[in-house]
Amino acid sequence: MAELTTIARPYAQAAFALGQEGNSLPVWGEALHLAEAVVADPKVAAALDNPKLTAGDKESLVLSICGERRGAEQRGFLRVLIEADRIALL
């Protein structure tokens, strides 16, 4: 468990810093909560674990579900997590 915490820490710190800079911590909290729920869905989780899907495919999937309801910074953050194969950290 400590390993996951260590891996997740820089991403959490980045999200917090962005929320603090933009005075939008509640927006970031909602965005991360929604993304967590999306990624936790068994069907979405299975798709994200599918090695046949590219990072772009995974990004399209996640953003099609929750991207429209989030700002550019939050969508960009999700893209970074997907491209780094860290979306499961949510």
PDB file of N, CA and C in Angstrom:
ATOM      1  N   MET A   1       0.821  -1.194   0.000  1.00  0.00           N
ATOM      2  CA  MET A   1       0.000   0.000   0.000  1.00  0.00           C
ATOM      3  C   MET A   1       0.860   1.251   0.000  1.00  0.00           C
ATOM      4  N   ALA A   2       1.961   1.212   0.708  1.00  0.00           N
ATOM      5  CA  ALA A   2       2.839   2.380   0.753  1.00  0.00           C
ATOM      6  C   ALA A   2       3.360   2.720  -0.629  1.00  0.00           C
ATOM      7  N   GLU A   3       3.583   1.704  -1.453  1.00  0.00           N
ATOM      8  CA  GLU A   3       4.078   1.954  -2.804  1.00  0.00           C
ATOM      9  C   GLU A   3       3.062   2.759  -3.618  1.00  0.00           C
ATOM     10  N   LEU A   4       1.794   2.401  -3.543  1.00  0.00           N
ATOM     11  CA  LEU A   4       0.761   3.151  -4.259  1.00  0.00           C
ATOM     12  C   LEU A   4       0.684   4.587  -3.758  1.00  0.00           C
ATOM     13  N   THR A   5       0.814   4.757  -2.460  1.00  0.00           N
ATOM     14  CA  THR A   5       0.786   6.094  -1.889  1.00  0.00           C
ATOM     15  C   THR A   5       1.956   6.922  -2.412  1.00  0.00           C
ATOM     16  N   THR A   6       3.111   6.295  -2.490  1.00  0.00           N
ATOM     17  CA  THR A   6       4.301   6.986  -2.985  1.00  0.00           C
ATOM     18  C   THR A   6       4.130   7.386  -4.441  1.00  0.00           C
ATOM     19  N   ILE A   7       3.545   6.492  -5.234  1.00  0.00           N
ATOM     20  CA  ILE A   7       3.328   6.772  -6.653  1.00  0.00           C
ATOM     21  C   ILE A   7       2.263   7.858  -6.832  1.00  0.00           C
ATOM     22  N   ALA A   8       1.221   7.806  -6.022  1.00  0.00           N
ATOM     23  CA  ALA A   8       0.097   8.736  -6.169  1.00  0.00           C
ATOM     24  C   ALA A   8       0.406  10.133  -5.640  1.00  0.00           C
ATOM     25  N   ARG A   9       1.326  10.226  -4.695  1.00  0.00           N
ATOM     26  CA  ARG A   9       1.585  11.505  -4.014  1.00  0.00           C
ATOM     27  C   ARG A   9       1.865  12.673  -4.974  1.00  0.00           C
ATOM     28  N   PRO A  10       2.780  12.532  -5.956  1.00  0.00           N
ATOM     29  CA  PRO A  10       3.057  13.696  -6.818  1.00  0.00           C
ATOM     30  C   PRO A  10       1.841  14.140  -7.635  1.00  0.00           C
ATOM     31  N   TYR A  11       1.013  13.175  -8.014  1.00  0.00           N
ATOM     32  CA  TYR A  11      -0.196  13.533  -8.770  1.00  0.00           C
ATOM     33  C   TYR A  11      -1.185  14.264  -7.869  1.00  0.00           C
ATOM     34  N   ALA A  12      -1.340  13.779  -6.638  1.00  0.00           N
ATOM     35  CA  ALA A  12      -2.234  14.437  -5.679  1.00  0.00           C
ATOM     36  C   ALA A  12      -1.743  15.845  -5.360  1.00  0.00           C
ATOM     37  N   GLN A  13      -0.440  15.980  -5.193  1.00  0.00           N
ATOM     38  CA  GLN A  13       0.128  17.302  -4.898  1.00  0.00           C
ATOM     39  C   GLN A  13      -0.079  18.255  -6.076  1.00  0.00           C
ATOM     40  N   ALA A  14       0.060  17.734  -7.288  1.00  0.00           N
ATOM     41  CA  ALA A  14      -0.148  18.574  -8.472  1.00  0.00           C
ATOM     42  C   ALA A  14      -1.600  19.028  -8.568  1.00  0.00           C
ATOM     43  N   ALA A  15      -2.533  18.106  -8.342  1.00  0.00           N
ATOM     44  CA  ALA A  15      -3.954  18.472  -8.394  1.00  0.00           C
ATOM     45  C   ALA A  15      -4.279  19.507  -7.322  1.00  0.00           C
ATOM     46  N   PHE A  16      -3.735  19.312  -6.137  1.00  0.00           N
ATOM     47  CA  PHE A  16      -3.977  20.257  -5.051  1.00  0.00           C
ATOM     48  C   PHE A  16      -3.400  21.625  -5.393  1.00  0.00           C
ATOM     49  N   ALA A  17      -2.184  21.643  -5.922  1.00  0.00           N
ATOM     50  CA  ALA A  17      -1.545  22.919  -6.277  1.00  0.00           C
ATOM     51  C   ALA A  17      -2.345  23.650  -7.354  1.00  0.00           C
ATOM     52  N   LEU A  18      -2.818  22.915  -8.351  1.00  0.00           N
ATOM     53  CA  LEU A  18      -3.617  23.547  -9.407  1.00  0.00           C
ATOM     54  C   LEU A  18      -4.923  24.101  -8.840  1.00  0.00           C
ATOM     55  N   GLY A  19      -5.543  23.343  -7.951  1.00  0.00           N
ATOM     56  CA  GLY A  19      -6.777  23.807  -7.330  1.00  0.00           C
ATOM     57  C   GLY A  19      -6.560  25.021  -6.460  1.00  0.00           C
ATOM     58  N   GLN A  20      -5.436  25.033  -5.753  1.00  0.00           N
ATOM     59  CA  GLN A  20      -5.114  26.168  -4.895  1.00  0.00           C
ATOM     60  C   GLN A  20      -4.811  27.409  -5.730  1.00  0.00           C
ATOM     61  N   GLU A  21      -4.011  27.247  -6.774  1.00  0.00           N
ATOM     62  CA  GLU A  21      -3.648  28.381  -7.632  1.00  0.00           C
ATOM     63  C   GLU A  21      -4.873  29.011  -8.275  1.00  0.00           C
ATOM     64  N   GLY A  22      -5.790  28.173  -8.705  1.00  0.00           N
ATOM     65  CA  GLY A  22      -6.989  28.681  -9.367  1.00  0.00           C
ATOM     66  C   GLY A  22      -8.134  28.958  -8.415  1.00  0.00           C
ATOM     67  N   ASN A  23      -7.871  28.860  -7.101  1.00  0.00           N
ATOM     68  CA  ASN A  23      -8.919  29.047  -6.106  1.00  0.00           C
ATOM     69  C   ASN A  23     -10.139  28.187  -6.448  1.00  0.00           C
ATOM     70  N   SER A  24      -9.858  26.917  -6.822  1.00  0.00           N
ATOM     71  CA  SER A  24     -10.929  26.031  -7.275  1.00  0.00           C
ATOM     72  C   SER A  24     -10.825  24.637  -6.650  1.00  0.00           C
ATOM     73  N   LEU A  25     -10.440  24.580  -5.385  1.00  0.00           N
ATOM     74  CA  LEU A  25     -10.319  23.278  -4.727  1.00  0.00           C
ATOM     75  C   LEU A  25     -11.630  22.483  -4.747  1.00  0.00           C
ATOM     76  N   PRO A  26     -12.796  23.112  -4.519  1.00  0.00           N
ATOM     77  CA  PRO A  26     -14.036  22.331  -4.583  1.00  0.00           C
ATOM     78  C   PRO A  26     -14.282  21.732  -5.982  1.00  0.00           C
ATOM     79  N   VAL A  27     -13.956  22.478  -7.011  1.00  0.00           N
ATOM     80  CA  VAL A  27     -14.123  21.982  -8.383  1.00  0.00           C
ATOM     81  C   VAL A  27     -13.213  20.782  -8.620  1.00  0.00           C
ATOM     82  N   TRP A  28     -11.973  20.904  -8.156  1.00  0.00           N
ATOM     83  CA  TRP A  28     -11.025  19.792  -8.296  1.00  0.00           C
ATOM     84  C   TRP A  28     -11.496  18.577  -7.512  1.00  0.00           C
ATOM     85  N   GLY A  29     -12.002  18.796  -6.315  1.00  0.00           N
ATOM     86  CA  GLY A  29     -12.505  17.687  -5.511  1.00  0.00           C
ATOM     87  C   GLY A  29     -13.629  16.949  -6.204  1.00  0.00           C
ATOM     88  N   GLU A  30     -14.564  17.709  -6.764  1.00  0.00           N
ATOM     89  CA  GLU A  30     -15.679  17.098  -7.496  1.00  0.00           C
ATOM     90  C   GLU A  30     -15.182  16.347  -8.725  1.00  0.00           C
ATOM     91  N   ALA A  31     -14.243  16.943  -9.452  1.00  0.00           N
ATOM     92  CA  ALA A  31     -13.716  16.313 -10.660  1.00  0.00           C
ATOM     93  C   ALA A  31     -13.011  15.004 -10.339  1.00  0.00           C
ATOM     94  N   LEU A  32     -12.219  15.003  -9.283  1.00  0.00           N
ATOM     95  CA  LEU A  32     -11.498  13.790  -8.905  1.00  0.00           C
ATOM     96  C   LEU A  32     -12.449  12.725  -8.373  1.00  0.00           C
ATOM     97  N   HIS A  33     -13.456  13.154  -7.653  1.00  0.00           N
ATOM     98  CA  HIS A  33     -14.447  12.207  -7.143  1.00  0.00           C
ATOM     99  C   HIS A  33     -15.191  11.544  -8.307  1.00  0.00           C
ATOM    100  N   LEU A  34     -15.603  12.332  -9.281  1.00  0.00           N
ATOM    101  CA  LEU A  34     -16.297  11.788 -10.453  1.00  0.00           C
ATOM    102  C   LEU A  34     -15.381  10.832 -11.221  1.00  0.00           C
ATOM    103  N   ALA A  35     -14.145  11.241 -11.443  1.00  0.00           N
ATOM    104  CA  ALA A  35     -13.205  10.389 -12.183  1.00  0.00           C
ATOM    105  C   ALA A  35     -12.957   9.088 -11.434  1.00  0.00           C
ATOM    106  N   GLU A  36     -12.862   9.174 -10.116  1.00  0.00           N
ATOM    107  CA  GLU A  36     -12.673   7.965  -9.305  1.00  0.00           C
ATOM    108  C   GLU A  36     -13.846   7.004  -9.500  1.00  0.00           C
ATOM    109  N   ALA A  37     -15.067   7.535  -9.475  1.00  0.00           N
ATOM    110  CA  ALA A  37     -16.252   6.698  -9.651  1.00  0.00           C
ATOM    111  C   ALA A  37     -16.273   6.066 -11.044  1.00  0.00           C
ATOM    112  N   VAL A  38     -15.881   6.831 -12.050  1.00  0.00           N
ATOM    113  CA  VAL A  38     -15.866   6.316 -13.423  1.00  0.00           C
ATOM    114  C   VAL A  38     -14.861   5.180 -13.542  1.00  0.00           C
ATOM    115  N   VAL A  39     -13.659   5.395 -13.042  1.00  0.00           N
ATOM    116  CA  VAL A  39     -12.588   4.396 -13.137  1.00  0.00           C
ATOM    117  C   VAL A  39     -12.914   3.157 -12.312  1.00  0.00           C
ATOM    118  N   ALA A  40     -13.665   3.316 -11.227  1.00  0.00           N
ATOM    119  CA  ALA A  40     -14.026   2.186 -10.371  1.00  0.00           C
ATOM    120  C   ALA A  40     -15.124   1.317 -10.965  1.00  0.00           C
ATOM    121  N   ASP A  41     -15.854   1.833 -11.937  1.00  0.00           N
ATOM    122  CA  ASP A  41     -16.900   1.040 -12.583  1.00  0.00           C
ATOM    123  C   ASP A  41     -16.254  -0.202 -13.195  1.00  0.00           C
ATOM    124  N   PRO A  42     -16.799  -1.379 -12.929  1.00  0.00           N
ATOM    125  CA  PRO A  42     -16.170  -2.612 -13.430  1.00  0.00           C
ATOM    126  C   PRO A  42     -15.984  -2.658 -14.945  1.00  0.00           C
ATOM    127  N   LYS A  43     -16.941  -2.162 -15.688  1.00  0.00           N
ATOM    128  CA  LYS A  43     -16.822  -2.185 -17.159  1.00  0.00           C
ATOM    129  C   LYS A  43     -15.731  -1.238 -17.632  1.00  0.00           C
ATOM    130  N   VAL A  44     -15.662  -0.068 -17.034  1.00  0.00           N
ATOM    131  CA  VAL A  44     -14.621   0.908 -17.401  1.00  0.00           C
ATOM    132  C   VAL A  44     -13.254   0.378 -16.977  1.00  0.00           C
ATOM    133  N   ALA A  45     -13.163  -0.173 -15.766  1.00  0.00           N
ATOM    134  CA  ALA A  45     -11.895  -0.721 -15.286  1.00  0.00           C
ATOM    135  C   ALA A  45     -11.395  -1.820 -16.211  1.00  0.00           C
ATOM    136  N   ALA A  46     -12.295  -2.680 -16.669  1.00  0.00           N
ATOM    137  CA  ALA A  46     -11.902  -3.757 -17.590  1.00  0.00           C
ATOM    138  C   ALA A  46     -11.392  -3.174 -18.901  1.00  0.00           C
ATOM    139  N   ALA A  47     -12.057  -2.153 -19.392  1.00  0.00           N
ATOM    140  CA  ALA A  47     -11.615  -1.519 -20.645  1.00  0.00           C
ATOM    141  C   ALA A  47     -10.250  -0.867 -20.462  1.00  0.00           C
ATOM    142  N   LEU A  48     -10.039  -0.215 -19.324  1.00  0.00           N
ATOM    143  CA  LEU A  48      -8.756   0.448 -19.072  1.00  0.00           C
ATOM    144  C   LEU A  48      -7.615  -0.555 -18.910  1.00  0.00           C
ATOM    145  N   ASP A  49      -7.945  -1.778 -18.509  1.00  0.00           N
ATOM    146  CA  ASP A  49      -6.932  -2.832 -18.375  1.00  0.00           C
ATOM    147  C   ASP A  49      -6.682  -3.575 -19.686  1.00  0.00           C
ATOM    148  N   ASN A  50      -7.472  -3.287 -20.700  1.00  0.00           N
ATOM    149  CA  ASN A  50      -7.341  -3.979 -21.980  1.00  0.00           C
ATOM    150  C   ASN A  50      -6.090  -3.496 -22.708  1.00  0.00           C
ATOM    151  N   PRO A  51      -5.119  -4.380 -22.928  1.00  0.00           N
ATOM    152  CA  PRO A  51      -3.881  -3.968 -23.592  1.00  0.00           C
ATOM    153  C   PRO A  51      -4.065  -3.609 -25.072  1.00  0.00           C
ATOM    154  N   LYS A  52      -5.193  -3.965 -25.638  1.00  0.00           N
ATOM    155  CA  LYS A  52      -5.449  -3.645 -27.049  1.00  0.00           C
ATOM    156  C   LYS A  52      -5.839  -2.188 -27.241  1.00  0.00           C
ATOM    157  N   LEU A  53      -6.271  -1.535 -26.163  1.00  0.00           N
ATOM    158  CA  LEU A  53      -6.654  -0.131 -26.267  1.00  0.00           C
ATOM    159  C   LEU A  53      -5.422   0.751 -26.112  1.00  0.00           C
ATOM    160  N   THR A  54      -5.340   1.752 -26.948  1.00  0.00           N
ATOM    161  CA  THR A  54      -4.247   2.720 -26.852  1.00  0.00           C
ATOM    162  C   THR A  54      -4.575   3.733 -25.751  1.00  0.00           C
ATOM    163  N   ALA A  55      -3.581   4.516 -25.387  1.00  0.00           N
ATOM    164  CA  ALA A  55      -3.819   5.583 -24.410  1.00  0.00           C
ATOM    165  C   ALA A  55      -4.891   6.536 -24.934  1.00  0.00           C
ATOM    166  N   GLY A  56      -4.883   6.787 -26.228  1.00  0.00           N
ATOM    167  CA  GLY A  56      -5.902   7.654 -26.827  1.00  0.00           C
ATOM    168  C   GLY A  56      -7.294   7.076 -26.700  1.00  0.00           C
ATOM    169  N   ASP A  57      -7.410   5.757 -26.895  1.00  0.00           N
ATOM    170  CA  ASP A  57      -8.710   5.097 -26.734  1.00  0.00           C
ATOM    171  C   ASP A  57      -9.200   5.223 -25.291  1.00  0.00           C
ATOM    172  N   LYS A  58      -8.276   5.001 -24.358  1.00  0.00           N
ATOM    173  CA  LYS A  58      -8.635   5.080 -22.941  1.00  0.00           C
ATOM    174  C   LYS A  58      -9.024   6.500 -22.559  1.00  0.00           C
ATOM    175  N   GLU A  59      -8.285   7.455 -23.095  1.00  0.00           N
ATOM    176  CA  GLU A  59      -8.593   8.861 -22.845  1.00  0.00           C
ATOM    177  C   GLU A  59      -9.978   9.202 -23.369  1.00  0.00           C
ATOM    178  N   SER A  60     -10.270   8.778 -24.589  1.00  0.00           N
ATOM    179  CA  SER A  60     -11.591   9.037 -25.170  1.00  0.00           C
ATOM    180  C   SER A  60     -12.698   8.436 -24.320  1.00  0.00           C
ATOM    181  N   LEU A  61     -12.464   7.231 -23.823  1.00  0.00           N
ATOM    182  CA  LEU A  61     -13.465   6.564 -22.984  1.00  0.00           C
ATOM    183  C   LEU A  61     -13.732   7.366 -21.715  1.00  0.00           C
ATOM    184  N   VAL A  62     -12.678   7.665 -20.978  1.00  0.00           N
ATOM    185  CA  VAL A  62     -12.849   8.358 -19.697  1.00  0.00           C
ATOM    186  C   VAL A  62     -13.418   9.755 -19.911  1.00  0.00           C
ATOM    187  N   LEU A  63     -12.888  10.482 -20.873  1.00  0.00           N
ATOM    188  CA  LEU A  63     -13.366  11.854 -21.086  1.00  0.00           C
ATOM    189  C   LEU A  63     -14.767  11.890 -21.672  1.00  0.00           C
ATOM    190  N   SER A  64     -15.155  10.861 -22.412  1.00  0.00           N
ATOM    191  CA  SER A  64     -16.519  10.832 -22.940  1.00  0.00           C
ATOM    192  C   SER A  64     -17.531  10.661 -21.810  1.00  0.00           C
ATOM    193  N   ILE A  65     -17.094  10.024 -20.738  1.00  0.00           N
ATOM    194  CA  ILE A  65     -17.989   9.819 -19.599  1.00  0.00           C
ATOM    195  C   ILE A  65     -18.009  11.030 -18.672  1.00  0.00           C
ATOM    196  N   CYS A  66     -16.840  11.599 -18.388  1.00  0.00           N
ATOM    197  CA  CYS A  66     -16.823  12.686 -17.408  1.00  0.00           C
ATOM    198  C   CYS A  66     -16.142  13.956 -17.885  1.00  0.00           C
ATOM    199  N   GLY A  67     -15.557  13.952 -19.046  1.00  0.00           N
ATOM    200  CA  GLY A  67     -14.807  15.109 -19.502  1.00  0.00           C
ATOM    201  C   GLY A  67     -15.627  16.337 -19.803  1.00  0.00           C
ATOM    202  N   GLU A  68     -16.804  16.148 -20.308  1.00  0.00           N
ATOM    203  CA  GLU A  68     -17.647  17.285 -20.679  1.00  0.00           C
ATOM    204  C   GLU A  68     -18.034  18.127 -19.464  1.00  0.00           C
ATOM    205  N   ARG A  69     -18.072  17.487 -18.320  1.00  0.00           N
ATOM    206  CA  ARG A  69     -18.502  18.183 -17.111  1.00  0.00           C
ATOM    207  C   ARG A  69     -17.340  18.788 -16.342  1.00  0.00           C
ATOM    208  N   ARG A  70     -16.153  18.741 -16.908  1.00  0.00           N
ATOM    209  CA  ARG A  70     -14.963  19.227 -16.222  1.00  0.00           C
ATOM    210  C   ARG A  70     -14.270  20.277 -17.051  1.00  0.00           C
ATOM    211  N   GLY A  71     -13.474  21.100 -16.384  1.00  0.00           N
ATOM    212  CA  GLY A  71     -12.723  22.151 -17.048  1.00  0.00           C
ATOM    213  C   GLY A  71     -11.506  21.595 -17.766  1.00  0.00           C
ATOM    214  N   ALA A  72     -10.854  22.454 -18.514  1.00  0.00           N
ATOM    215  CA  ALA A  72      -9.685  22.053 -19.297  1.00  0.00           C
ATOM    216  C   ALA A  72      -8.561  21.519 -18.414  1.00  0.00           C
ATOM    217  N   GLU A  73      -8.344  22.130 -17.259  1.00  0.00           N
ATOM    218  CA  GLU A  73      -7.274  21.663 -16.374  1.00  0.00           C
ATOM    219  C   GLU A  73      -7.557  20.260 -15.864  1.00  0.00           C
ATOM    220  N   GLN A  74      -8.787  19.999 -15.485  1.00  0.00           N
ATOM    221  CA  GLN A  74      -9.131  18.674 -14.982  1.00  0.00           C
ATOM    222  C   GLN A  74      -9.040  17.625 -16.092  1.00  0.00           C
ATOM    223  N   ARG A  75      -9.482  17.974 -17.289  1.00  0.00           N
ATOM    224  CA  ARG A  75      -9.364  17.036 -18.420  1.00  0.00           C
ATOM    225  C   ARG A  75      -7.891  16.770 -18.719  1.00  0.00           C
ATOM    226  N   GLY A  76      -7.077  17.814 -18.673  1.00  0.00           N
ATOM    227  CA  GLY A  76      -5.647  17.651 -18.898  1.00  0.00           C
ATOM    228  C   GLY A  76      -5.005  16.758 -17.848  1.00  0.00           C
ATOM    229  N   PHE A  77      -5.421  16.914 -16.608  1.00  0.00           N
ATOM    230  CA  PHE A  77      -4.908  16.086 -15.526  1.00  0.00           C
ATOM    231  C   PHE A  77      -5.253  14.621 -15.768  1.00  0.00           C
ATOM    232  N   LEU A  78      -6.495  14.360 -16.186  1.00  0.00           N
ATOM    233  CA  LEU A  78      -6.887  12.983 -16.489  1.00  0.00           C
ATOM    234  C   LEU A  78      -6.073  12.428 -17.652  1.00  0.00           C
ATOM    235  N   ARG A  79      -5.799  13.264 -18.647  1.00  0.00           N
ATOM    236  CA  ARG A  79      -4.963  12.828 -19.775  1.00  0.00           C
ATOM    237  C   ARG A  79      -3.573  12.414 -19.300  1.00  0.00           C
ATOM    238  N   VAL A  80      -3.004  13.206 -18.415  1.00  0.00           N
ATOM    239  CA  VAL A  80      -1.674  12.886 -17.879  1.00  0.00           C
ATOM    240  C   VAL A  80      -1.705  11.543 -17.155  1.00  0.00           C
ATOM    241  N   LEU A  81      -2.718  11.318 -16.332  1.00  0.00           N
ATOM    242  CA  LEU A  81      -2.827  10.048 -15.620  1.00  0.00           C
ATOM    243  C   LEU A  81      -2.961   8.875 -16.582  1.00  0.00           C
ATOM    244  N   ILE A  82      -3.739   9.056 -17.624  1.00  0.00           N
ATOM    245  CA  ILE A  82      -3.941   7.977 -18.596  1.00  0.00           C
ATOM    246  C   ILE A  82      -2.660   7.712 -19.373  1.00  0.00           C
ATOM    247  N   GLU A  83      -2.029   8.762 -19.854  1.00  0.00           N
ATOM    248  CA  GLU A  83      -0.799   8.599 -20.638  1.00  0.00           C
ATOM    249  C   GLU A  83       0.325   7.974 -19.825  1.00  0.00           C
ATOM    250  N   ALA A  84       0.353   8.253 -18.525  1.00  0.00           N
ATOM    251  CA  ALA A  84       1.370   7.683 -17.652  1.00  0.00           C
ATOM    252  C   ALA A  84       0.952   6.312 -17.119  1.00  0.00           C
ATOM    253  N   ASP A  85      -0.210   5.826 -17.565  1.00  0.00           N
ATOM    254  CA  ASP A  85      -0.764   4.551 -17.114  1.00  0.00           C
ATOM    255  C   ASP A  85      -0.945   4.564 -15.592  1.00  0.00           C
ATOM    256  N   ARG A  86      -1.447   5.694 -15.085  1.00  0.00           N
ATOM    257  CA  ARG A  86      -1.651   5.874 -13.647  1.00  0.00           C
ATOM    258  C   ARG A  86      -3.100   6.170 -13.299  1.00  0.00           C
ATOM    259  N   ILE A  87      -4.024   5.989 -14.234  1.00  0.00           N
ATOM    260  CA  ILE A  87      -5.415   6.334 -13.986  1.00  0.00           C
ATOM    261  C   ILE A  87      -6.008   5.497 -12.847  1.00  0.00           C
ATOM    262  N   ALA A  88      -5.504   4.301 -12.655  1.00  0.00           N
ATOM    263  CA  ALA A  88      -6.007   3.442 -11.579  1.00  0.00           C
ATOM    264  C   ALA A  88      -5.688   3.992 -10.195  1.00  0.00           C
ATOM    265  N   LEU A  89      -4.773   4.955 -10.103  1.00  0.00           N
ATOM    266  CA  LEU A  89      -4.440   5.545  -8.809  1.00  0.00           C
ATOM    267  C   LEU A  89      -5.610   6.307  -8.209  1.00  0.00           C
ATOM    268  N   LEU A  90      -6.555   6.700  -9.056  1.00  0.00           N
ATOM    269  CA  LEU A  90      -7.695   7.438  -8.526  1.00  0.00           C
ATOM    270  C   LEU A  90      -8.465   6.579  -7.539  1.00  0.00           C
TER     271      LEU A  90
END
